[in-house]
Amino acid sequence: MRLRLDPPGPAGPPWRPGAPPPMPDEPAIGGMPPWLQERMFEQRMVIVTGPLTGDAATQAAAALLTLDALGTEPVRLHLATPDGDLTAAFGLIDVLDSMRAPVHALVTSLTGGAAIGVLAAAKRRLAYSHAQIRLTEPRAGAVSGTADEVAAAAGQYLRELEELALRVVAATGQPRNRIEDDMSAGRTFTAEEAREYGLLDEIVGR
């Protein structure tokens, strides 16, 4: 995922202060032209698509913190992230927890795995009517090294997985054992089912 803008070319609109800083020779996000990225940033929107990697979380965090510094109006975080890295997700969660501006997460497509923690950390949780939410355990990253290093990585993963479950418990009000069972089973919700479960506050357009 890319959140920074390419430097304006002769055919594009000029970059303005307050927009994400330009980066040379960087492709547009998912084919989105730089001028559209800038307009969405001006509307206090941040988009996260694809797996939630460390790079994606870092760039989303930078955009969120920039918007937070510019004002306290709500920021809308668009999520279409079917899976991702737990450590990256918690880095983004810490940013949401520290912001003055409330973050309203909007699920636009299938979102699940580690990104559920980001959704749970938002002040308001919304989704389009045909979005889906998958409550599942994120995959553990491949680890190599000594037996002690592998054991330490496994322990870290289990601690983060437990914290993810507790985040979902706090957001939904569901019992912890139910959350853990549903995560183990990899349960997928429609938007309406997710609202009834407590994962969402509202379905956009209803």
N, C-alpha and C. Protein backbone atom coordinates (compact mmCIF):
# COMPACT_ATOMS: atom_id res chain seq x y z
N MET A 1 0.83 -1.18 0.00
CA MET A 1 0.00 0.00 0.00
C MET A 1 0.87 1.24 0.00
N ARG A 2 0.45 2.28 -0.74
CA ARG A 2 1.21 3.52 -0.80
C ARG A 2 0.31 4.67 -0.38
N LEU A 3 0.79 5.52 0.50
CA LEU A 3 -0.01 6.64 0.96
C LEU A 3 0.62 7.98 0.61
N ARG A 4 1.88 7.97 0.13
CA ARG A 4 2.52 9.21 -0.22
C ARG A 4 2.30 9.52 -1.70
N LEU A 5 2.47 10.77 -2.02
CA LEU A 5 2.19 11.23 -3.38
C LEU A 5 3.46 11.32 -4.20
N ASP A 6 3.32 11.04 -5.49
CA ASP A 6 4.41 11.34 -6.40
C ASP A 6 4.54 12.85 -6.54
N PRO A 7 5.73 13.36 -6.85
CA PRO A 7 5.83 14.79 -7.11
C PRO A 7 4.98 15.17 -8.31
N PRO A 8 4.32 16.31 -8.27
CA PRO A 8 3.42 16.68 -9.37
C PRO A 8 4.16 16.83 -10.68
N GLY A 9 3.60 16.27 -11.69
CA GLY A 9 4.15 16.43 -13.03
C GLY A 9 3.49 17.59 -13.72
N PRO A 10 3.91 17.87 -14.92
CA PRO A 10 3.35 19.02 -15.64
C PRO A 10 1.86 18.90 -15.85
N ALA A 11 1.35 17.64 -15.97
CA ALA A 11 -0.07 17.48 -16.27
C ALA A 11 -0.93 17.40 -15.03
N GLY A 12 -0.31 17.28 -13.86
CA GLY A 12 -1.09 17.08 -12.64
C GLY A 12 -1.20 18.35 -11.82
N PRO A 13 -2.12 18.38 -10.86
CA PRO A 13 -2.27 19.55 -10.01
C PRO A 13 -1.07 19.66 -9.07
N PRO A 14 -0.73 20.85 -8.63
CA PRO A 14 0.43 21.03 -7.76
C PRO A 14 0.19 20.44 -6.38
N TRP A 15 1.28 19.98 -5.78
CA TRP A 15 1.20 19.50 -4.40
C TRP A 15 1.03 20.69 -3.47
N ARG A 16 0.20 20.56 -2.45
CA ARG A 16 -0.06 21.65 -1.53
C ARG A 16 0.31 21.25 -0.12
N PRO A 17 0.68 22.22 0.72
CA PRO A 17 0.99 21.90 2.11
C PRO A 17 -0.21 21.25 2.78
N GLY A 18 0.06 20.28 3.64
CA GLY A 18 -1.02 19.55 4.31
C GLY A 18 -1.32 18.24 3.65
N ALA A 19 -0.89 18.07 2.39
CA ALA A 19 -1.06 16.79 1.71
C ALA A 19 0.11 15.89 2.07
N PRO A 20 -0.02 14.56 1.87
CA PRO A 20 1.10 13.68 2.16
C PRO A 20 2.32 14.09 1.36
N PRO A 21 3.51 14.00 1.96
CA PRO A 21 4.71 14.45 1.25
C PRO A 21 4.97 13.62 0.01
N PRO A 22 5.44 14.26 -1.08
CA PRO A 22 5.69 13.52 -2.31
C PRO A 22 6.91 12.64 -2.18
N MET A 23 6.90 11.52 -2.89
CA MET A 23 8.05 10.64 -2.98
C MET A 23 8.36 10.42 -4.44
N PRO A 24 9.60 10.59 -4.85
CA PRO A 24 9.94 10.46 -6.27
C PRO A 24 9.77 9.04 -6.77
N ASP A 25 9.24 8.95 -8.00
CA ASP A 25 9.15 7.68 -8.71
C ASP A 25 8.36 6.62 -7.96
N GLU A 26 7.40 7.01 -7.15
CA GLU A 26 6.61 6.03 -6.42
C GLU A 26 5.27 5.84 -7.13
N PRO A 27 4.83 4.60 -7.36
CA PRO A 27 3.58 4.38 -8.07
C PRO A 27 2.38 4.77 -7.24
N ALA A 28 1.29 5.03 -7.90
CA ALA A 28 0.05 5.37 -7.21
C ALA A 28 -0.47 4.17 -6.45
N ILE A 29 -1.30 4.43 -5.44
CA ILE A 29 -1.86 3.38 -4.62
C ILE A 29 -2.91 2.62 -5.41
N GLY A 30 -2.66 1.35 -5.66
CA GLY A 30 -3.65 0.54 -6.33
C GLY A 30 -4.14 1.15 -7.62
N GLY A 31 -3.26 1.88 -8.31
CA GLY A 31 -3.66 2.52 -9.55
C GLY A 31 -4.34 3.86 -9.35
N MET A 32 -4.49 4.30 -8.11
CA MET A 32 -5.14 5.58 -7.83
C MET A 32 -4.20 6.73 -8.19
N PRO A 33 -4.61 7.66 -9.00
CA PRO A 33 -3.72 8.76 -9.39
C PRO A 33 -3.40 9.66 -8.20
N PRO A 34 -2.21 10.29 -8.22
CA PRO A 34 -1.80 11.13 -7.09
C PRO A 34 -2.78 12.23 -6.74
N TRP A 35 -3.40 12.85 -7.76
CA TRP A 35 -4.32 13.93 -7.45
C TRP A 35 -5.52 13.43 -6.65
N LEU A 36 -5.95 12.17 -6.89
CA LEU A 36 -7.07 11.62 -6.14
C LEU A 36 -6.65 11.28 -4.72
N GLN A 37 -5.44 10.77 -4.57
CA GLN A 37 -4.90 10.53 -3.23
C GLN A 37 -4.91 11.83 -2.41
N GLU A 38 -4.48 12.90 -3.07
CA GLU A 38 -4.42 14.19 -2.37
C GLU A 38 -5.81 14.66 -1.96
N ARG A 39 -6.79 14.50 -2.88
CA ARG A 39 -8.15 14.95 -2.55
C ARG A 39 -8.70 14.17 -1.35
N MET A 40 -8.44 12.86 -1.33
CA MET A 40 -8.94 12.04 -0.22
C MET A 40 -8.25 12.43 1.08
N PHE A 41 -6.96 12.73 1.01
CA PHE A 41 -6.25 13.18 2.20
C PHE A 41 -6.85 14.48 2.72
N GLU A 42 -7.19 15.39 1.79
CA GLU A 42 -7.80 16.65 2.20
C GLU A 42 -9.14 16.43 2.89
N GLN A 43 -9.83 15.35 2.52
CA GLN A 43 -11.11 15.00 3.15
C GLN A 43 -10.90 14.15 4.41
N ARG A 44 -9.65 14.04 4.87
CA ARG A 44 -9.29 13.30 6.08
C ARG A 44 -9.65 11.81 5.96
N MET A 45 -9.27 11.24 4.82
CA MET A 45 -9.46 9.81 4.57
C MET A 45 -8.11 9.14 4.37
N VAL A 46 -7.95 7.96 4.98
CA VAL A 46 -6.76 7.14 4.79
C VAL A 46 -7.23 5.76 4.36
N ILE A 47 -6.59 5.20 3.34
CA ILE A 47 -7.01 3.92 2.79
C ILE A 47 -5.92 2.88 3.03
N VAL A 48 -6.33 1.73 3.56
CA VAL A 48 -5.42 0.60 3.74
C VAL A 48 -6.01 -0.58 2.98
N THR A 49 -5.29 -1.07 1.98
CA THR A 49 -5.76 -2.20 1.19
C THR A 49 -4.68 -3.27 1.12
N GLY A 50 -5.12 -4.50 0.92
CA GLY A 50 -4.17 -5.60 0.82
C GLY A 50 -3.68 -6.02 2.19
N PRO A 51 -2.78 -6.98 2.25
CA PRO A 51 -2.26 -7.47 3.53
C PRO A 51 -1.66 -6.33 4.35
N LEU A 52 -1.89 -6.35 5.64
CA LEU A 52 -1.39 -5.32 6.53
C LEU A 52 0.07 -5.65 6.89
N THR A 53 0.97 -5.23 6.05
CA THR A 53 2.40 -5.46 6.26
C THR A 53 2.98 -4.36 7.13
N GLY A 54 4.25 -4.53 7.52
CA GLY A 54 4.90 -3.49 8.29
C GLY A 54 4.98 -2.18 7.54
N ASP A 55 5.31 -2.22 6.25
CA ASP A 55 5.39 -1.00 5.45
C ASP A 55 4.03 -0.32 5.33
N ALA A 56 2.98 -1.12 5.10
CA ALA A 56 1.64 -0.55 4.97
C ALA A 56 1.21 0.11 6.27
N ALA A 57 1.47 -0.55 7.40
CA ALA A 57 1.09 0.01 8.69
C ALA A 57 1.87 1.29 8.99
N THR A 58 3.15 1.31 8.65
CA THR A 58 3.98 2.49 8.90
C THR A 58 3.49 3.68 8.10
N GLN A 59 3.16 3.47 6.84
CA GLN A 59 2.69 4.58 6.01
C GLN A 59 1.30 5.04 6.42
N ALA A 60 0.43 4.11 6.80
CA ALA A 60 -0.89 4.50 7.29
C ALA A 60 -0.76 5.28 8.59
N ALA A 61 0.14 4.85 9.47
CA ALA A 61 0.36 5.55 10.73
C ALA A 61 0.86 6.97 10.49
N ALA A 62 1.77 7.13 9.52
CA ALA A 62 2.29 8.47 9.21
C ALA A 62 1.17 9.38 8.73
N ALA A 63 0.29 8.87 7.88
CA ALA A 63 -0.83 9.68 7.39
C ALA A 63 -1.79 10.03 8.51
N LEU A 64 -2.09 9.06 9.38
CA LEU A 64 -3.01 9.32 10.50
C LEU A 64 -2.44 10.36 11.46
N LEU A 65 -1.16 10.25 11.77
CA LEU A 65 -0.55 11.20 12.69
C LEU A 65 -0.48 12.60 12.08
N THR A 66 -0.28 12.67 10.77
CA THR A 66 -0.27 13.97 10.10
C THR A 66 -1.64 14.62 10.18
N LEU A 67 -2.69 13.85 9.90
CA LEU A 67 -4.04 14.38 9.99
C LEU A 67 -4.40 14.76 11.42
N ASP A 68 -3.91 14.00 12.38
CA ASP A 68 -4.18 14.31 13.78
C ASP A 68 -3.53 15.64 14.16
N ALA A 69 -2.33 15.89 13.62
CA ALA A 69 -1.65 17.15 13.90
C ALA A 69 -2.35 18.34 13.25
N LEU A 70 -3.08 18.08 12.16
CA LEU A 70 -3.74 19.16 11.43
C LEU A 70 -5.09 19.55 12.03
N GLY A 71 -5.65 18.73 12.91
CA GLY A 71 -6.95 19.06 13.49
C GLY A 71 -7.55 17.88 14.22
N THR A 72 -8.63 18.15 14.93
CA THR A 72 -9.27 17.11 15.74
C THR A 72 -10.58 16.60 15.13
N GLU A 73 -10.85 16.97 13.87
CA GLU A 73 -12.04 16.44 13.23
C GLU A 73 -11.83 14.94 12.97
N PRO A 74 -12.92 14.16 12.88
CA PRO A 74 -12.77 12.72 12.68
C PRO A 74 -11.99 12.38 11.41
N VAL A 75 -11.25 11.30 11.49
CA VAL A 75 -10.53 10.75 10.35
C VAL A 75 -11.20 9.44 9.96
N ARG A 76 -11.44 9.25 8.67
CA ARG A 76 -12.06 8.00 8.21
C ARG A 76 -10.98 7.08 7.65
N LEU A 77 -10.88 5.91 8.25
CA LEU A 77 -9.89 4.91 7.85
C LEU A 77 -10.60 3.81 7.08
N HIS A 78 -10.34 3.71 5.77
CA HIS A 78 -10.96 2.70 4.94
C HIS A 78 -10.13 1.42 4.99
N LEU A 79 -10.78 0.31 5.29
CA LEU A 79 -10.09 -0.97 5.44
C LEU A 79 -10.59 -1.98 4.43
N ALA A 80 -9.66 -2.57 3.69
CA ALA A 80 -9.93 -3.71 2.82
C ALA A 80 -8.71 -4.61 2.95
N THR A 81 -8.56 -5.19 4.12
CA THR A 81 -7.33 -5.91 4.49
C THR A 81 -7.67 -7.31 4.99
N PRO A 82 -7.62 -8.30 4.13
CA PRO A 82 -8.06 -9.66 4.51
C PRO A 82 -7.16 -10.35 5.52
N ASP A 83 -5.93 -9.88 5.68
CA ASP A 83 -5.02 -10.52 6.63
C ASP A 83 -3.85 -9.58 6.85
N GLY A 84 -2.93 -10.00 7.68
CA GLY A 84 -1.77 -9.16 7.92
C GLY A 84 -0.94 -9.63 9.08
N ASP A 85 0.06 -8.84 9.38
CA ASP A 85 1.02 -9.16 10.43
C ASP A 85 0.54 -8.58 11.76
N LEU A 86 0.57 -9.40 12.82
CA LEU A 86 0.08 -8.94 14.12
C LEU A 86 0.90 -7.78 14.66
N THR A 87 2.21 -7.87 14.54
CA THR A 87 3.07 -6.80 15.05
C THR A 87 2.78 -5.49 14.32
N ALA A 88 2.59 -5.55 13.01
CA ALA A 88 2.25 -4.36 12.24
C ALA A 88 0.91 -3.79 12.69
N ALA A 89 -0.06 -4.67 12.93
CA ALA A 89 -1.38 -4.22 13.36
C ALA A 89 -1.31 -3.49 14.70
N PHE A 90 -0.53 -4.02 15.63
CA PHE A 90 -0.45 -3.37 16.93
C PHE A 90 0.29 -2.04 16.86
N GLY A 91 1.22 -1.91 15.92
CA GLY A 91 1.84 -0.61 15.71
C GLY A 91 0.81 0.42 15.28
N LEU A 92 -0.11 0.02 14.42
CA LEU A 92 -1.17 0.92 13.96
C LEU A 92 -2.20 1.15 15.07
N ILE A 93 -2.49 0.12 15.84
CA ILE A 93 -3.43 0.26 16.96
C ILE A 93 -2.91 1.28 17.97
N ASP A 94 -1.62 1.24 18.26
CA ASP A 94 -1.04 2.20 19.20
C ASP A 94 -1.22 3.63 18.71
N VAL A 95 -1.12 3.83 17.40
CA VAL A 95 -1.34 5.17 16.84
C VAL A 95 -2.78 5.60 17.06
N LEU A 96 -3.74 4.71 16.77
CA LEU A 96 -5.15 5.05 16.98
C LEU A 96 -5.41 5.39 18.45
N ASP A 97 -4.80 4.64 19.35
CA ASP A 97 -5.01 4.89 20.78
C ASP A 97 -4.46 6.25 21.20
N SER A 98 -3.44 6.74 20.50
CA SER A 98 -2.78 7.98 20.92
C SER A 98 -3.36 9.23 20.27
N MET A 99 -4.22 9.07 19.27
CA MET A 99 -4.70 10.22 18.52
C MET A 99 -5.76 11.02 19.28
N ARG A 100 -5.72 12.33 19.10
CA ARG A 100 -6.78 13.19 19.63
C ARG A 100 -8.02 13.10 18.75
N ALA A 101 -7.80 13.09 17.44
CA ALA A 101 -8.91 13.01 16.50
C ALA A 101 -9.52 11.60 16.53
N PRO A 102 -10.83 11.49 16.61
CA PRO A 102 -11.45 10.16 16.57
C PRO A 102 -11.30 9.53 15.19
N VAL A 103 -11.04 8.23 15.17
CA VAL A 103 -10.90 7.49 13.92
C VAL A 103 -12.15 6.66 13.71
N HIS A 104 -12.79 6.84 12.56
CA HIS A 104 -13.96 6.06 12.18
C HIS A 104 -13.51 5.07 11.10
N ALA A 105 -13.51 3.79 11.44
CA ALA A 105 -13.07 2.77 10.48
C ALA A 105 -14.25 2.36 9.61
N LEU A 106 -14.02 2.28 8.31
CA LEU A 106 -15.04 1.87 7.36
C LEU A 106 -14.53 0.65 6.60
N VAL A 107 -15.19 -0.49 6.79
CA VAL A 107 -14.81 -1.71 6.08
C VAL A 107 -15.45 -1.66 4.70
N THR A 108 -14.62 -1.66 3.67
CA THR A 108 -15.13 -1.53 2.31
C THR A 108 -15.17 -2.85 1.57
N SER A 109 -14.41 -3.83 2.03
CA SER A 109 -14.36 -5.13 1.39
C SER A 109 -13.99 -6.14 2.47
N LEU A 110 -13.61 -7.35 2.06
CA LEU A 110 -13.25 -8.37 3.04
C LEU A 110 -12.10 -7.90 3.91
N THR A 111 -12.31 -7.93 5.22
CA THR A 111 -11.29 -7.53 6.19
C THR A 111 -11.27 -8.55 7.31
N GLY A 112 -10.06 -8.93 7.73
CA GLY A 112 -9.98 -9.93 8.78
C GLY A 112 -8.58 -10.08 9.31
N GLY A 113 -8.37 -11.16 10.07
CA GLY A 113 -7.06 -11.43 10.64
C GLY A 113 -6.62 -10.32 11.56
N ALA A 114 -5.36 -9.91 11.42
CA ALA A 114 -4.79 -8.90 12.29
C ALA A 114 -5.51 -7.57 12.18
N ALA A 115 -6.10 -7.27 11.01
CA ALA A 115 -6.78 -5.99 10.82
C ALA A 115 -8.02 -5.85 11.69
N ILE A 116 -8.54 -6.95 12.23
CA ILE A 116 -9.69 -6.86 13.13
C ILE A 116 -9.32 -6.05 14.37
N GLY A 117 -8.07 -6.14 14.80
CA GLY A 117 -7.63 -5.34 15.94
C GLY A 117 -7.68 -3.86 15.64
N VAL A 118 -7.32 -3.47 14.42
CA VAL A 118 -7.39 -2.07 14.01
C VAL A 118 -8.85 -1.62 13.99
N LEU A 119 -9.72 -2.46 13.45
CA LEU A 119 -11.15 -2.14 13.44
C LEU A 119 -11.66 -1.95 14.86
N ALA A 120 -11.28 -2.86 15.76
CA ALA A 120 -11.75 -2.80 17.14
C ALA A 120 -11.26 -1.56 17.86
N ALA A 121 -10.10 -1.02 17.45
CA ALA A 121 -9.52 0.14 18.12
C ALA A 121 -10.16 1.45 17.68
N ALA A 122 -10.94 1.43 16.60
CA ALA A 122 -11.53 2.67 16.08
C ALA A 122 -12.65 3.16 16.99
N LYS A 123 -12.85 4.47 16.97
CA LYS A 123 -13.90 5.08 17.79
C LYS A 123 -15.28 4.65 17.31
N ARG A 124 -15.45 4.62 15.98
CA ARG A 124 -16.69 4.09 15.39
C ARG A 124 -16.30 3.10 14.31
N ARG A 125 -17.14 2.06 14.17
CA ARG A 125 -16.85 0.98 13.23
C ARG A 125 -18.03 0.84 12.27
N LEU A 126 -17.75 1.06 10.99
CA LEU A 126 -18.79 1.03 9.98
C LEU A 126 -18.39 0.09 8.86
N ALA A 127 -19.35 -0.26 8.00
CA ALA A 127 -19.05 -1.10 6.84
C ALA A 127 -20.10 -0.86 5.77
N TYR A 128 -19.69 -1.07 4.52
CA TYR A 128 -20.67 -1.10 3.44
C TYR A 128 -21.47 -2.39 3.54
N SER A 129 -22.65 -2.38 2.94
CA SER A 129 -23.58 -3.49 3.15
C SER A 129 -23.07 -4.82 2.62
N HIS A 130 -22.20 -4.80 1.61
CA HIS A 130 -21.70 -6.06 1.05
C HIS A 130 -20.28 -6.39 1.52
N ALA A 131 -19.78 -5.65 2.47
CA ALA A 131 -18.47 -5.97 3.05
C ALA A 131 -18.58 -7.23 3.90
N GLN A 132 -17.46 -7.90 4.09
CA GLN A 132 -17.40 -9.08 4.95
C GLN A 132 -16.27 -8.91 5.96
N ILE A 133 -16.47 -9.50 7.12
CA ILE A 133 -15.46 -9.45 8.18
C ILE A 133 -15.15 -10.89 8.60
N ARG A 134 -13.87 -11.22 8.55
CA ARG A 134 -13.46 -12.58 8.90
C ARG A 134 -12.70 -12.55 10.23
N LEU A 135 -13.30 -13.16 11.22
CA LEU A 135 -12.70 -13.25 12.55
C LEU A 135 -11.86 -14.52 12.59
N THR A 136 -10.58 -14.36 12.42
CA THR A 136 -9.70 -15.53 12.33
C THR A 136 -8.35 -15.21 12.93
N GLU A 137 -7.63 -16.24 13.32
CA GLU A 137 -6.29 -16.06 13.86
C GLU A 137 -5.33 -15.69 12.73
N PRO A 138 -4.61 -14.59 12.86
CA PRO A 138 -3.63 -14.23 11.83
C PRO A 138 -2.55 -15.30 11.72
N ARG A 139 -2.02 -15.46 10.53
CA ARG A 139 -0.95 -16.42 10.34
C ARG A 139 0.32 -15.94 11.03
N ALA A 140 1.02 -16.88 11.62
CA ALA A 140 2.31 -16.55 12.23
C ALA A 140 3.36 -16.48 11.13
N GLY A 141 4.22 -15.50 11.20
CA GLY A 141 5.28 -15.36 10.22
C GLY A 141 6.30 -16.47 10.34
N ALA A 142 6.97 -16.77 9.23
CA ALA A 142 8.01 -17.80 9.25
C ALA A 142 9.18 -17.32 10.10
N VAL A 143 9.66 -18.22 10.95
CA VAL A 143 10.75 -17.89 11.86
C VAL A 143 11.86 -18.90 11.68
N SER A 144 13.09 -18.42 11.61
CA SER A 144 14.24 -19.31 11.56
C SER A 144 15.24 -18.86 12.61
N GLY A 145 16.12 -19.75 12.98
CA GLY A 145 17.12 -19.41 13.99
C GLY A 145 17.30 -20.55 14.96
N THR A 146 17.82 -20.22 16.12
CA THR A 146 18.03 -21.23 17.14
C THR A 146 16.70 -21.64 17.75
N ALA A 147 16.74 -22.74 18.51
CA ALA A 147 15.53 -23.21 19.17
C ALA A 147 14.99 -22.15 20.12
N ASP A 148 15.87 -21.44 20.81
CA ASP A 148 15.44 -20.39 21.73
C ASP A 148 14.78 -19.23 20.98
N GLU A 149 15.33 -18.88 19.82
CA GLU A 149 14.76 -17.79 19.04
C GLU A 149 13.39 -18.17 18.50
N VAL A 150 13.23 -19.40 18.06
CA VAL A 150 11.93 -19.85 17.57
C VAL A 150 10.91 -19.88 18.70
N ALA A 151 11.33 -20.35 19.89
CA ALA A 151 10.43 -20.40 21.04
C ALA A 151 10.02 -18.99 21.46
N ALA A 152 10.97 -18.05 21.44
CA ALA A 152 10.64 -16.67 21.81
C ALA A 152 9.65 -16.06 20.83
N ALA A 153 9.84 -16.33 19.53
CA ALA A 153 8.91 -15.80 18.52
C ALA A 153 7.52 -16.39 18.70
N ALA A 154 7.46 -17.68 19.02
CA ALA A 154 6.16 -18.32 19.24
C ALA A 154 5.46 -17.72 20.46
N GLY A 155 6.24 -17.48 21.52
CA GLY A 155 5.65 -16.87 22.70
C GLY A 155 5.13 -15.47 22.43
N GLN A 156 5.88 -14.69 21.64
CA GLN A 156 5.44 -13.35 21.29
C GLN A 156 4.15 -13.40 20.47
N TYR A 157 4.07 -14.34 19.54
CA TYR A 157 2.86 -14.47 18.72
C TYR A 157 1.65 -14.79 19.60
N LEU A 158 1.81 -15.71 20.55
CA LEU A 158 0.69 -16.09 21.42
C LEU A 158 0.24 -14.92 22.29
N ARG A 159 1.19 -14.12 22.77
CA ARG A 159 0.82 -12.95 23.58
C ARG A 159 0.05 -11.94 22.74
N GLU A 160 0.50 -11.70 21.52
CA GLU A 160 -0.21 -10.76 20.65
C GLU A 160 -1.57 -11.29 20.25
N LEU A 161 -1.67 -12.60 20.04
CA LEU A 161 -2.95 -13.20 19.69
C LEU A 161 -3.95 -13.04 20.84
N GLU A 162 -3.47 -13.22 22.07
CA GLU A 162 -4.34 -13.04 23.23
C GLU A 162 -4.79 -11.59 23.33
N GLU A 163 -3.88 -10.65 23.10
CA GLU A 163 -4.25 -9.24 23.17
C GLU A 163 -5.25 -8.88 22.07
N LEU A 164 -5.09 -9.49 20.89
CA LEU A 164 -6.06 -9.26 19.82
C LEU A 164 -7.45 -9.71 20.25
N ALA A 165 -7.52 -10.90 20.85
CA ALA A 165 -8.81 -11.41 21.32
C ALA A 165 -9.42 -10.48 22.36
N LEU A 166 -8.60 -9.96 23.26
CA LEU A 166 -9.12 -9.06 24.30
C LEU A 166 -9.61 -7.75 23.70
N ARG A 167 -8.96 -7.29 22.64
CA ARG A 167 -9.43 -6.09 21.94
C ARG A 167 -10.83 -6.32 21.37
N VAL A 168 -11.03 -7.48 20.78
CA VAL A 168 -12.33 -7.79 20.19
C VAL A 168 -13.39 -7.97 21.28
N VAL A 169 -13.00 -8.57 22.40
CA VAL A 169 -13.92 -8.70 23.53
C VAL A 169 -14.38 -7.32 24.00
N ALA A 170 -13.44 -6.39 24.15
CA ALA A 170 -13.78 -5.05 24.63
C ALA A 170 -14.67 -4.31 23.65
N ALA A 171 -14.45 -4.52 22.35
CA ALA A 171 -15.24 -3.82 21.34
C ALA A 171 -16.64 -4.38 21.20
N THR A 172 -16.77 -5.70 21.31
CA THR A 172 -18.06 -6.35 21.03
C THR A 172 -18.89 -6.64 22.26
N GLY A 173 -18.25 -6.82 23.41
CA GLY A 173 -18.97 -7.25 24.61
C GLY A 173 -19.25 -8.73 24.63
N GLN A 174 -18.72 -9.47 23.66
CA GLN A 174 -18.91 -10.92 23.63
C GLN A 174 -17.99 -11.59 24.64
N PRO A 175 -18.39 -12.77 25.16
CA PRO A 175 -17.52 -13.49 26.09
C PRO A 175 -16.20 -13.88 25.41
N ARG A 176 -15.15 -13.91 26.20
CA ARG A 176 -13.84 -14.21 25.65
C ARG A 176 -13.79 -15.59 25.01
N ASN A 177 -14.42 -16.57 25.64
CA ASN A 177 -14.36 -17.93 25.08
C ASN A 177 -15.06 -18.00 23.73
N ARG A 178 -16.11 -17.19 23.55
CA ARG A 178 -16.79 -17.20 22.25
C ARG A 178 -15.90 -16.56 21.19
N ILE A 179 -15.25 -15.45 21.55
CA ILE A 179 -14.34 -14.80 20.60
C ILE A 179 -13.23 -15.76 20.19
N GLU A 180 -12.64 -16.42 21.17
CA GLU A 180 -11.53 -17.33 20.87
C GLU A 180 -12.00 -18.51 20.02
N ASP A 181 -13.20 -19.03 20.31
CA ASP A 181 -13.73 -20.14 19.50
C ASP A 181 -13.97 -19.69 18.06
N ASP A 182 -14.56 -18.50 17.90
CA ASP A 182 -14.85 -18.01 16.56
C ASP A 182 -13.58 -17.69 15.78
N MET A 183 -12.55 -17.19 16.49
CA MET A 183 -11.28 -16.94 15.83
C MET A 183 -10.63 -18.24 15.39
N SER A 184 -10.70 -19.26 16.23
CA SER A 184 -10.12 -20.57 15.88
C SER A 184 -10.84 -21.18 14.68
N ALA A 185 -12.15 -20.96 14.62
CA ALA A 185 -12.94 -21.53 13.52
C ALA A 185 -12.83 -20.69 12.24
N GLY A 186 -12.33 -19.47 12.35
CA GLY A 186 -12.24 -18.60 11.17
C GLY A 186 -13.61 -18.17 10.68
N ARG A 187 -14.44 -17.70 11.57
CA ARG A 187 -15.82 -17.35 11.22
C ARG A 187 -15.86 -16.08 10.36
N THR A 188 -16.65 -16.12 9.30
CA THR A 188 -16.83 -14.97 8.42
C THR A 188 -18.24 -14.43 8.59
N PHE A 189 -18.34 -13.11 8.75
CA PHE A 189 -19.62 -12.43 8.99
C PHE A 189 -20.00 -11.58 7.78
N THR A 190 -21.28 -11.53 7.49
CA THR A 190 -21.78 -10.47 6.62
C THR A 190 -21.79 -9.18 7.44
N ALA A 191 -22.01 -8.06 6.78
CA ALA A 191 -22.04 -6.80 7.50
C ALA A 191 -23.14 -6.80 8.56
N GLU A 192 -24.30 -7.33 8.22
CA GLU A 192 -25.40 -7.35 9.19
C GLU A 192 -25.08 -8.27 10.36
N GLU A 193 -24.50 -9.42 10.09
CA GLU A 193 -24.11 -10.34 11.16
C GLU A 193 -23.04 -9.71 12.06
N ALA A 194 -22.11 -8.98 11.45
CA ALA A 194 -21.07 -8.33 12.23
C ALA A 194 -21.65 -7.24 13.12
N ARG A 195 -22.65 -6.53 12.62
CA ARG A 195 -23.31 -5.52 13.45
C ARG A 195 -24.01 -6.15 14.64
N GLU A 196 -24.72 -7.24 14.40
CA GLU A 196 -25.41 -7.93 15.49
C GLU A 196 -24.42 -8.51 16.51
N TYR A 197 -23.26 -8.92 16.05
CA TYR A 197 -22.23 -9.50 16.90
C TYR A 197 -21.54 -8.43 17.76
N GLY A 198 -21.59 -7.18 17.28
CA GLY A 198 -20.94 -6.09 17.98
C GLY A 198 -19.66 -5.59 17.34
N LEU A 199 -19.28 -6.19 16.20
CA LEU A 199 -18.07 -5.75 15.52
C LEU A 199 -18.26 -4.42 14.80
N LEU A 200 -19.51 -4.09 14.47
CA LEU A 200 -19.82 -2.86 13.76
C LEU A 200 -20.85 -2.05 14.53
N ASP A 201 -20.76 -0.74 14.38
CA ASP A 201 -21.79 0.15 14.95
C ASP A 201 -22.89 0.45 13.93
N GLU A 202 -22.51 0.45 12.67
CA GLU A 202 -23.47 0.92 11.65
C GLU A 202 -23.11 0.35 10.28
N ILE A 203 -24.12 0.12 9.47
CA ILE A 203 -23.93 -0.26 8.08
C ILE A 203 -24.25 0.95 7.21
N VAL A 204 -23.27 1.39 6.45
CA VAL A 204 -23.42 2.62 5.66
C VAL A 204 -24.43 2.39 4.55
N GLY A 205 -25.39 3.32 4.43
CA GLY A 205 -26.39 3.24 3.39
C GLY A 205 -27.70 2.64 3.85
N ARG A 206 -27.72 2.05 5.05
CA ARG A 206 -28.97 1.50 5.53
C ARG A 206 -29.84 2.59 6.11
